Each structure stands twice: as C-alpha cells, then as structure tokens.
Amino acid sequence: MSMIAALFEPLNFVENLRYMGLGMLGIFIVIGVITLLTIFLNKVTEQKPDEQPDQKG
C-alpha cells in the first residue's frame, strides 16, 4: 500500500492536464468537422422539388 502512495505525484497529474485538454480539444475538432461535412453533403445531395422521381402507384 505504501508503494502505491509513493508513486502518486500530484504535481505530475497537474502537469499532464495540459495533454488531456489537448486530446479533448482534438476530439471536439474532429466531431465538428464530421458534423460540418455531414451538413455540407446533405445540402449538396438534396433533391429539388422539381427533380423528385415520379411515383407511380
């Protein structure tokens, strides 16, 4: 038990918060890019009202 307590350094945790923050920022950027790409592709590929295929039935 004392060995585990000796390995924990709170200052190291605080120093590594920077890397955790950068990783989270990267994740949010990727999610944003995917969202914007999806919106863009939906706008580009949407059918106009006059281009809808004839529905027979």
C-alpha atoms as a PDB file:
ATOM      1  CA  MET A   1       0.000   0.000   0.000  1.00  0.00           C
ATOM      2  CA  SER A   2       2.801   2.420   0.798  1.00  0.00           C
ATOM      3  CA  MET A   3       4.390   1.742  -2.596  1.00  0.00           C
ATOM      4  CA  ILE A   4       1.278   2.973  -4.412  1.00  0.00           C
ATOM      5  CA  ALA A   5       1.195   6.137  -2.329  1.00  0.00           C
ATOM      6  CA  ALA A   6       4.861   6.742  -3.075  1.00  0.00           C
ATOM      7  CA  LEU A   7       4.276   6.562  -6.844  1.00  0.00           C
ATOM      8  CA  PHE A   8       1.460   9.095  -6.907  1.00  0.00           C
ATOM      9  CA  GLU A   9       2.772  12.592  -7.519  1.00  0.00           C
ATOM     10  CA  PRO A  10       0.005  15.220  -7.628  1.00  0.00           C
ATOM     11  CA  LEU A  11       2.271  17.645  -9.487  1.00  0.00           C
ATOM     12  CA  ASN A  12       2.635  15.144 -12.351  1.00  0.00           C
ATOM     13  CA  PHE A  13      -1.146  14.939 -12.586  1.00  0.00           C
ATOM     14  CA  VAL A  14      -1.428  18.723 -12.832  1.00  0.00           C
ATOM     15  CA  GLU A  15       1.286  18.852 -15.497  1.00  0.00           C
ATOM     16  CA  ASN A  16      -0.495  16.177 -17.559  1.00  0.00           C
ATOM     17  CA  LEU A  17      -3.802  18.068 -17.540  1.00  0.00           C
ATOM     18  CA  ARG A  18      -2.437  20.035 -20.493  1.00  0.00           C
ATOM     19  CA  TYR A  19      -2.165  16.878 -22.603  1.00  0.00           C
ATOM     20  CA  MET A  20      -5.608  15.717 -21.546  1.00  0.00           C
ATOM     21  CA  GLY A  21      -7.040  19.089 -22.538  1.00  0.00           C
ATOM     22  CA  LEU A  22      -5.326  18.960 -25.926  1.00  0.00           C
ATOM     23  CA  GLY A  23      -6.712  15.481 -26.516  1.00  0.00           C
ATOM     24  CA  MET A  24     -10.237  16.596 -25.661  1.00  0.00           C
ATOM     25  CA  LEU A  25      -9.845  19.637 -27.925  1.00  0.00           C
ATOM     26  CA  GLY A  26      -8.772  17.336 -30.751  1.00  0.00           C
ATOM     27  CA  ILE A  27     -11.813  15.137 -30.220  1.00  0.00           C
ATOM     28  CA  PHE A  28     -14.173  18.139 -30.337  1.00  0.00           C
ATOM     29  CA  ILE A  29     -12.489  19.424 -33.509  1.00  0.00           C
ATOM     30  CA  VAL A  30     -12.925  16.050 -35.225  1.00  0.00           C
ATOM     31  CA  ILE A  31     -16.583  15.859 -34.147  1.00  0.00           C
ATOM     32  CA  GLY A  32     -17.117  19.384 -35.510  1.00  0.00           C
ATOM     33  CA  VAL A  33     -15.506  18.535 -38.849  1.00  0.00           C
ATOM     34  CA  ILE A  34     -17.642  15.397 -39.192  1.00  0.00           C
ATOM     35  CA  THR A  35     -20.785  17.388 -38.354  1.00  0.00           C
ATOM     36  CA  LEU A  36     -19.987  20.140 -40.847  1.00  0.00           C
ATOM     37  CA  LEU A  37     -19.131  17.595 -43.533  1.00  0.00           C
ATOM     38  CA  THR A  38     -22.440  15.814 -42.954  1.00  0.00           C
ATOM     39  CA  ILE A  39     -24.391  19.078 -43.207  1.00  0.00           C
ATOM     40  CA  PHE A  40     -22.494  20.019 -46.375  1.00  0.00           C
ATOM     41  CA  LEU A  41     -23.127  16.657 -48.013  1.00  0.00           C
ATOM     42  CA  ASN A  42     -26.834  16.834 -47.128  1.00  0.00           C
ATOM     43  CA  LYS A  43     -27.086  20.281 -48.749  1.00  0.00           C
ATOM     44  CA  VAL A  44     -25.230  19.190 -51.880  1.00  0.00           C
ATOM     45  CA  THR A  45     -27.146  15.966 -52.442  1.00  0.00           C
ATOM     46  CA  GLU A  46     -30.675  17.066 -51.535  1.00  0.00           C
ATOM     47  CA  GLN A  47     -33.240  16.750 -54.301  1.00  0.00           C
ATOM     48  CA  LYS A  48     -35.007  19.806 -55.547  1.00  0.00           C
ATOM     49  CA  PRO A  49     -38.835  19.722 -55.519  1.00  0.00           C
ATOM     50  CA  ASP A  50     -38.945  19.604 -59.353  1.00  0.00           C
ATOM     51  CA  GLU A  51     -36.353  16.817 -59.568  1.00  0.00           C
ATOM     52  CA  GLN A  52     -38.234  14.275 -57.468  1.00  0.00           C
ATOM     53  CA  PRO A  53     -38.788  10.984 -59.248  1.00  0.00           C
ATOM     54  CA  ASP A  54     -42.311  10.198 -60.424  1.00  0.00           C
ATOM     55  CA  GLN A  55     -44.187   7.998 -58.025  1.00  0.00           C
ATOM     56  CA  LYS A  56     -46.439   5.592 -59.820  1.00  0.00           C
ATOM     57  CA  GLY A  57     -48.978   3.684 -57.884  1.00  0.00           C
END
